[in-house]
Amino acid sequence: MSRVRVAVVSGVALAAVAVAGAATLGLGGRGEEAAKPDRTGPGATVPVTRQTLVESVTAPGELGYGATTPLASTATGTVTWLPEPGATVRRGEPLLRADETPVVLMYGALPMYRALAENAKGGDVEQFEKNLAALGYSGFTVDEEFSKLTTTAVKRWQKDMELPETGTVEKDRVVFAPGAVRIAERLVRIGASATGDVISYTGSTRGVTVSSDASKAGWARKGVKVTVTLPDGKAVQGSVSGVAEPARGGEGAEGAAGADTASTVDISVAIADQKALGKLERGGVTVRYVAKERKDVLTVPVNALLALAEGGYGLEVVSDTGTRVVAVEVGLFADGRVEVSGEGLDDGVLVGVPE
């Protein structure tokens, strides 16, 4: 059976390099014996190994609380209280006090763009009523209409918050955010004007951000499971929660060859088990995505493969009685090894490799 040794270009693609080996004849002088042919056979041997092969993608990431957002207060007066950096503010709790009157956090996507009072209608009314109900106030229907019953519930809420019991929710008394927030920084001092950016905040849960070359981020889809390795080596489970639109490395920037710099994409990874992170709040981590996995399969180094003249691949099996070439089926390539199956192959069988 004719065969050639394969040269491997990558862990997935193979390039067969035909190396035709022909024994040369040695011609001696008179009375000299003919030179003995060189010994044929593999330069070295390795055992077939049964193991799990994993094809994966790894990328560096940064653990933290996400992007920082400034809080623009429309309240008038003087700042008399601000939460400490690192504090978590939840629904119904004050984000600041202006002239000792609280500005309260509620959850929602719509901004507080107008005062809400009886007979008002719209999605912002329903958003506020959902928050009111979540805080335990009842006696009204959660819908897009601010009714008399809503007014009564608002007055009870205002009494508990030590606000004037007007039944009208003033525009500057509520700030909406997607959820609980973590105070990142105080942007003004106590005693400053309450109008403008007074604090900055982030989300309240820790997650990971991966900045990847857009051409290498095809694996990142919402819901994809990943493993996050922390600086101490501990592994925690995560999932892709969002993939931002690709952004250029720099507007108008060009590489050495004159082409635009490669675009990058930010991948957000959520970690459901926050306790698994311990007290670590930020730092460099490694994110690993398993694309394919083959458990309990026979494997050999990729360079053990032979490209057979009749097509396909084989292995040079070495035993006490000599060598023979066995045709094999190949499967997953990963980490310099390849999954193989063929007649007589088993864990521990010796096969030839180049020296």
Protein backbone atom coordinates (compact mmCIF):
# COMPACT_ATOMS: atom_id res chain seq x y z
CA MET A 1 0.00 0.00 0.00
CA SER A 2 1.56 3.29 -1.04
CA ARG A 3 1.42 6.20 1.37
CA VAL A 4 2.87 9.61 2.23
CA ARG A 5 3.29 11.41 5.56
CA VAL A 6 1.01 14.41 6.13
CA ALA A 7 2.17 17.91 7.02
CA VAL A 8 -0.48 19.67 9.15
CA VAL A 9 -1.17 23.34 8.59
CA SER A 10 -3.69 23.82 11.40
CA GLY A 11 -5.70 21.94 14.03
CA VAL A 12 -8.65 21.64 11.67
CA ALA A 13 -7.30 21.75 8.09
CA LEU A 14 -4.75 19.30 6.73
CA ALA A 15 -2.37 19.79 3.80
CA ALA A 16 -0.96 16.57 2.42
CA VAL A 17 2.63 16.86 1.28
CA ALA A 18 3.61 14.09 -1.08
CA VAL A 19 7.02 12.77 -0.19
CA ALA A 20 7.95 9.97 -2.55
CA GLY A 21 10.49 7.72 -0.88
CA ALA A 22 12.62 5.56 -3.18
CA ALA A 23 15.52 3.40 -1.98
CA THR A 24 18.77 4.15 -3.83
CA LEU A 25 21.14 1.43 -4.96
CA GLY A 26 24.73 1.57 -3.64
CA LEU A 27 27.36 0.66 -6.22
CA GLY A 28 30.64 -0.46 -4.62
CA GLY A 29 34.08 -0.88 -6.20
CA ARG A 30 35.61 -4.23 -7.14
CA GLY A 31 35.56 -6.65 -4.23
CA GLU A 32 33.33 -4.40 -2.13
CA GLU A 33 29.94 -5.52 -0.86
CA ALA A 34 26.87 -3.62 -1.97
CA ALA A 35 25.73 -1.04 0.61
CA LYS A 36 22.83 -2.22 2.80
CA PRO A 37 19.55 -0.32 2.23
CA ASP A 38 18.51 2.14 4.92
CA ARG A 39 16.09 0.77 7.48
CA THR A 40 12.48 1.81 6.80
CA GLY A 41 9.80 2.45 9.40
CA PRO A 42 8.66 5.26 11.66
CA GLY A 43 11.15 7.59 13.24
CA ALA A 44 9.40 7.29 16.61
CA THR A 45 6.21 5.85 18.09
CA VAL A 46 3.43 7.10 20.35
CA PRO A 47 0.47 5.24 21.87
CA VAL A 48 -3.10 5.69 20.75
CA THR A 49 -4.85 7.42 23.69
CA ARG A 50 -8.51 7.32 24.72
CA GLN A 51 -9.61 10.75 25.99
CA THR A 52 -12.05 13.62 25.60
CA LEU A 53 -11.32 16.08 22.81
CA VAL A 54 -12.61 19.63 23.10
CA GLU A 55 -12.61 22.31 20.43
CA SER A 56 -12.95 25.62 22.23
CA VAL A 57 -12.53 29.38 21.93
CA THR A 58 -10.88 31.37 24.72
CA ALA A 59 -10.81 35.14 25.10
CA PRO A 60 -9.69 37.59 27.78
CA GLY A 61 -12.42 39.48 29.60
CA GLU A 62 -12.90 42.04 32.34
CA LEU A 63 -15.04 41.42 35.40
CA GLY A 64 -16.97 44.40 36.69
CA TYR A 65 -20.38 46.01 37.07
CA GLY A 66 -20.69 47.20 33.48
CA ALA A 67 -20.78 50.65 31.92
CA THR A 68 -21.07 53.75 34.12
CA THR A 69 -24.10 56.00 33.63
CA PRO A 70 -24.38 59.54 35.02
CA LEU A 71 -27.60 60.40 36.87
CA ALA A 72 -29.07 63.69 35.70
CA SER A 73 -31.23 65.15 38.47
CA THR A 74 -33.90 67.70 37.56
CA ALA A 75 -34.61 68.49 41.20
CA THR A 76 -34.13 72.08 42.32
CA GLY A 77 -32.47 73.14 45.53
CA THR A 78 -29.35 71.91 47.31
CA VAL A 79 -27.97 68.38 47.61
CA THR A 80 -28.33 67.39 51.26
CA TRP A 81 -27.58 63.65 50.97
CA LEU A 82 -25.95 61.23 48.54
CA PRO A 83 -25.39 57.46 48.83
CA GLU A 84 -21.86 56.21 49.33
CA PRO A 85 -19.93 54.80 46.34
CA GLY A 86 -20.44 51.04 46.25
CA ALA A 87 -23.92 51.23 47.78
CA THR A 88 -26.81 49.47 46.02
CA VAL A 89 -30.05 51.41 45.56
CA ARG A 90 -33.24 49.44 44.85
CA ARG A 91 -36.79 50.24 43.79
CA GLY A 92 -38.46 52.77 46.06
CA GLU A 93 -35.23 53.92 47.70
CA PRO A 94 -33.77 57.44 47.42
CA LEU A 95 -30.91 58.15 45.00
CA LEU A 96 -30.34 61.56 46.58
CA ARG A 97 -32.03 64.18 48.70
CA ALA A 98 -32.53 67.76 47.55
CA ASP A 99 -33.48 70.17 50.32
CA GLU A 100 -34.01 67.00 52.39
CA THR A 101 -36.66 65.74 49.95
CA PRO A 102 -35.92 62.35 48.32
CA VAL A 103 -35.50 61.62 44.62
CA VAL A 104 -36.67 58.01 44.32
CA LEU A 105 -35.52 55.15 42.08
CA MET A 106 -38.14 53.19 40.14
CA TYR A 107 -37.66 50.47 37.50
CA GLY A 108 -38.50 50.98 33.86
CA ALA A 109 -37.28 51.82 30.37
CA LEU A 110 -39.15 55.11 29.89
CA PRO A 111 -37.68 58.27 31.43
CA MET A 112 -39.72 60.42 33.78
CA TYR A 113 -40.48 63.09 31.18
CA ARG A 114 -43.63 64.63 32.72
CA ALA A 115 -45.59 64.93 35.93
CA LEU A 116 -48.18 62.19 36.41
CA ALA A 117 -51.60 63.15 37.74
CA GLU A 118 -55.23 62.08 37.61
CA ASN A 119 -56.59 61.53 34.07
CA ALA A 120 -53.10 61.16 32.58
CA LYS A 121 -52.81 58.25 30.14
CA GLY A 122 -49.89 56.43 28.54
CA GLY A 123 -47.17 53.87 28.88
CA ASP A 124 -45.37 55.95 31.49
CA VAL A 125 -48.48 55.80 33.71
CA GLU A 126 -48.55 52.01 33.49
CA GLN A 127 -44.81 51.85 34.20
CA PHE A 128 -45.22 53.91 37.38
CA GLU A 129 -48.27 51.92 38.50
CA LYS A 130 -46.32 48.64 38.10
CA ASN A 131 -43.71 50.02 40.47
CA LEU A 132 -46.34 51.23 42.92
CA ALA A 133 -47.89 47.75 42.97
CA ALA A 134 -44.46 46.09 43.34
CA LEU A 135 -43.87 48.25 46.42
CA GLY A 136 -47.03 46.84 48.02
CA TYR A 137 -49.57 49.58 47.27
CA SER A 138 -52.94 48.32 46.06
CA GLY A 139 -56.54 49.35 45.44
CA PHE A 140 -56.06 50.39 41.80
CA THR A 141 -55.78 48.69 38.42
CA VAL A 142 -52.38 48.62 36.74
CA ASP A 143 -53.07 50.06 33.29
CA GLU A 144 -52.33 53.13 31.20
CA GLU A 145 -54.84 55.34 33.03
CA PHE A 146 -54.06 57.40 36.15
CA SER A 147 -57.41 57.04 37.96
CA LYS A 148 -58.80 58.35 41.23
CA LEU A 149 -57.82 55.05 42.81
CA THR A 150 -54.26 55.59 41.57
CA THR A 151 -54.30 59.05 43.16
CA THR A 152 -55.28 57.53 46.51
CA ALA A 153 -52.44 54.98 46.30
CA VAL A 154 -49.96 57.70 45.34
CA LYS A 155 -50.92 59.74 48.40
CA ARG A 156 -50.23 56.74 50.63
CA TRP A 157 -46.84 56.31 48.95
CA GLN A 158 -46.06 60.02 49.35
CA LYS A 159 -46.91 59.88 53.05
CA ASP A 160 -44.52 56.95 53.57
CA MET A 161 -41.76 58.77 51.64
CA GLU A 162 -42.36 61.99 53.66
CA LEU A 163 -43.34 63.82 50.47
CA PRO A 164 -46.19 66.33 50.16
CA GLU A 165 -49.43 64.28 49.80
CA THR A 166 -50.62 65.87 46.56
CA GLY A 167 -51.53 62.73 44.60
CA THR A 168 -49.41 64.08 41.74
CA VAL A 169 -46.04 62.50 40.96
CA GLU A 170 -43.73 65.37 40.17
CA LYS A 171 -41.27 64.95 37.30
CA ASP A 172 -38.22 65.66 39.47
CA ARG A 173 -39.12 63.18 42.25
CA VAL A 174 -38.62 59.90 40.36
CA VAL A 175 -35.77 58.48 38.28
CA PHE A 176 -36.25 55.32 36.21
CA ALA A 177 -33.51 52.74 35.62
CA PRO A 178 -33.70 49.16 34.25
CA GLY A 179 -33.16 47.71 37.73
CA ALA A 180 -31.26 48.16 40.97
CA VAL A 181 -28.16 50.33 40.59
CA ARG A 182 -24.77 50.42 42.24
CA ILE A 183 -23.33 53.84 42.99
CA ALA A 184 -20.04 54.27 41.15
CA GLU A 185 -19.08 57.83 42.09
CA ARG A 186 -20.34 61.01 43.67
CA LEU A 187 -20.06 63.70 41.00
CA VAL A 188 -20.85 66.63 43.33
CA ARG A 189 -20.31 67.39 46.98
CA ILE A 190 -23.00 67.78 49.62
CA GLY A 191 -24.18 71.38 49.41
CA ALA A 192 -23.90 71.62 45.63
CA SER A 193 -26.82 72.32 43.31
CA ALA A 194 -29.18 69.37 42.93
CA THR A 195 -29.75 70.12 39.25
CA GLY A 196 -27.48 68.24 36.84
CA ASP A 197 -25.30 65.12 37.04
CA VAL A 198 -24.94 64.35 40.73
CA ILE A 199 -23.86 60.68 40.81
CA SER A 200 -22.85 57.95 38.38
CA TYR A 201 -24.03 54.38 38.66
CA THR A 202 -23.71 50.92 37.14
CA GLY A 203 -25.79 47.78 37.27
CA SER A 204 -25.88 46.06 40.64
CA THR A 205 -24.66 42.63 39.49
CA ARG A 206 -21.19 41.64 38.37
CA GLY A 207 -20.62 40.46 34.85
CA VAL A 208 -17.86 40.09 32.27
CA THR A 209 -17.15 42.14 29.17
CA VAL A 210 -15.14 40.60 26.33
CA SER A 211 -13.79 42.88 23.59
CA SER A 212 -13.24 40.66 20.57
CA ASP A 213 -12.24 41.05 16.95
CA ALA A 214 -15.61 40.97 15.17
CA SER A 215 -14.33 38.36 12.72
CA LYS A 216 -13.63 35.98 15.63
CA ALA A 217 -16.88 36.55 17.56
CA GLY A 218 -19.18 34.31 15.54
CA TRP A 219 -19.59 32.02 18.55
CA ALA A 220 -21.12 34.80 20.67
CA ARG A 221 -24.90 34.53 20.61
CA LYS A 222 -27.33 35.42 23.38
CA GLY A 223 -27.81 32.49 25.73
CA VAL A 224 -24.62 30.63 24.77
CA LYS A 225 -23.07 28.96 27.82
CA VAL A 226 -19.44 29.79 28.73
CA THR A 227 -16.98 29.13 31.52
CA VAL A 228 -15.31 32.08 33.25
CA THR A 229 -11.95 31.44 34.94
CA LEU A 230 -11.19 33.90 37.74
CA PRO A 231 -7.69 35.20 38.63
CA ASP A 232 -7.37 32.54 41.37
CA GLY A 233 -8.09 29.77 38.86
CA LYS A 234 -11.65 29.12 40.04
CA ALA A 235 -14.14 28.43 37.21
CA VAL A 236 -17.72 29.76 37.31
CA GLN A 237 -20.51 29.35 34.79
CA GLY A 238 -21.84 32.21 32.71
CA SER A 239 -23.91 32.90 29.60
CA VAL A 240 -23.79 35.51 26.85
CA SER A 241 -26.34 38.19 27.73
CA GLY A 242 -25.70 40.59 24.86
CA VAL A 243 -23.54 41.33 21.83
CA ALA A 244 -23.00 44.98 20.88
CA GLU A 245 -22.81 46.21 17.31
CA PRO A 246 -19.26 46.07 15.89
CA ALA A 247 -17.27 49.29 16.25
CA ARG A 248 -14.19 50.36 14.36
CA GLY A 249 -10.91 50.56 16.26
CA GLY A 250 -10.71 54.27 15.52
CA GLU A 251 -12.66 56.58 13.26
CA GLY A 252 -10.69 57.16 10.11
CA ALA A 253 -7.79 55.15 11.47
CA GLU A 254 -5.84 53.05 9.02
CA GLY A 255 -3.46 50.18 9.46
CA ALA A 256 0.05 49.89 8.08
CA ALA A 257 -1.31 48.59 4.78
CA GLY A 258 -3.72 51.52 4.45
CA ALA A 259 -6.87 49.57 5.33
CA ASP A 260 -9.31 50.49 8.07
CA THR A 261 -8.47 49.02 11.45
CA ALA A 262 -10.34 45.84 12.33
CA SER A 263 -13.73 46.27 13.99
CA THR A 264 -14.30 45.05 17.52
CA VAL A 265 -17.40 43.88 19.32
CA ASP A 266 -18.21 43.94 23.03
CA ILE A 267 -19.69 40.70 24.36
CA SER A 268 -21.50 40.80 27.71
CA VAL A 269 -21.46 37.68 29.89
CA ALA A 270 -23.88 37.31 32.80
CA ILE A 271 -23.03 35.25 35.87
CA ALA A 272 -26.14 33.96 37.62
CA ASP A 273 -24.37 32.70 40.75
CA GLN A 274 -22.98 35.93 42.15
CA LYS A 275 -21.87 34.16 45.34
CA ALA A 276 -19.47 32.07 43.27
CA LEU A 277 -17.50 35.26 42.57
CA GLY A 278 -16.78 35.74 46.28
CA LYS A 279 -15.63 39.25 47.11
CA LEU A 280 -13.96 39.82 43.74
CA GLU A 281 -15.50 42.94 42.19
CA ARG A 282 -13.28 43.55 39.18
CA GLY A 283 -10.26 42.13 37.39
CA GLY A 284 -9.06 40.22 34.36
CA VAL A 285 -10.67 36.84 33.64
CA THR A 286 -10.66 34.24 30.86
CA VAL A 287 -13.85 33.28 29.03
CA ARG A 288 -14.02 29.84 27.37
CA TYR A 289 -16.66 28.64 24.93
CA VAL A 290 -16.79 24.95 24.02
CA ALA A 291 -17.73 24.65 20.34
CA LYS A 292 -17.48 20.85 20.06
CA GLU A 293 -16.72 18.02 22.46
CA ARG A 294 -16.08 14.31 21.82
CA LYS A 295 -15.97 12.14 24.92
CA ASP A 296 -14.07 8.88 25.34
CA VAL A 297 -12.63 8.68 21.82
CA LEU A 298 -9.36 7.28 20.48
CA THR A 299 -6.87 10.02 19.58
CA VAL A 300 -3.38 10.39 18.12
CA PRO A 301 -1.14 13.39 17.44
CA VAL A 302 -2.13 14.99 14.15
CA ASN A 303 1.32 14.38 12.68
CA ALA A 304 0.80 10.61 13.03
CA LEU A 305 -1.65 10.69 10.11
CA LEU A 306 -0.59 9.35 6.72
CA ALA A 307 -2.18 10.52 3.49
CA LEU A 308 -2.87 7.37 1.50
CA ALA A 309 -2.25 7.34 -2.23
CA GLU A 310 -5.69 5.87 -2.85
CA GLY A 311 -7.29 8.62 -0.75
CA GLY A 312 -8.12 9.10 2.90
CA TYR A 313 -5.83 8.73 5.87
CA GLY A 314 -4.06 5.96 7.69
CA LEU A 315 -1.80 5.19 10.64
CA GLU A 316 1.40 3.14 10.71
CA VAL A 317 0.74 0.60 13.44
CA VAL A 318 3.87 -0.81 15.07
CA SER A 319 3.97 -4.20 16.79
CA ASP A 320 6.52 -6.88 17.71
CA THR A 321 6.01 -8.51 14.30
CA GLY A 322 6.60 -5.33 12.27
CA THR A 323 4.56 -2.45 10.92
CA ARG A 324 1.39 -2.16 8.89
CA VAL A 325 -0.69 0.72 7.62
CA VAL A 326 -4.29 0.85 8.84
CA ALA A 327 -6.85 3.05 7.09
CA VAL A 328 -8.67 5.29 9.57
CA GLU A 329 -11.66 7.59 9.78
CA VAL A 330 -10.84 10.98 11.31
CA GLY A 331 -13.15 13.08 13.47
CA LEU A 332 -12.60 16.14 15.64
CA PHE A 333 -9.26 18.00 15.58
CA ALA A 334 -8.30 19.83 18.78
CA ASP A 335 -5.15 20.81 20.65
CA GLY A 336 -2.82 19.10 18.18
CA ARG A 337 -4.66 15.76 18.32
CA VAL A 338 -7.27 14.09 16.13
CA GLU A 339 -10.04 11.60 16.76
CA VAL A 340 -9.48 8.33 14.87
CA SER A 341 -11.20 4.97 14.40
CA GLY A 342 -10.06 1.95 12.43
CA GLU A 343 -9.58 -1.81 12.43
CA GLY A 344 -7.45 -3.05 15.33
CA LEU A 345 -7.03 0.38 16.93
CA ASP A 346 -7.33 0.58 20.69
CA ASP A 347 -5.96 2.45 23.69
CA GLY A 348 -2.21 1.83 23.95
CA VAL A 349 -1.57 0.62 20.39
CA LEU A 350 1.71 2.13 19.10
CA VAL A 351 1.69 4.21 15.91
CA GLY A 352 4.49 5.89 14.03
CA VAL A 353 5.29 9.60 14.07
CA PRO A 354 8.15 11.60 12.57
CA GLU A 355 11.14 12.17 14.86
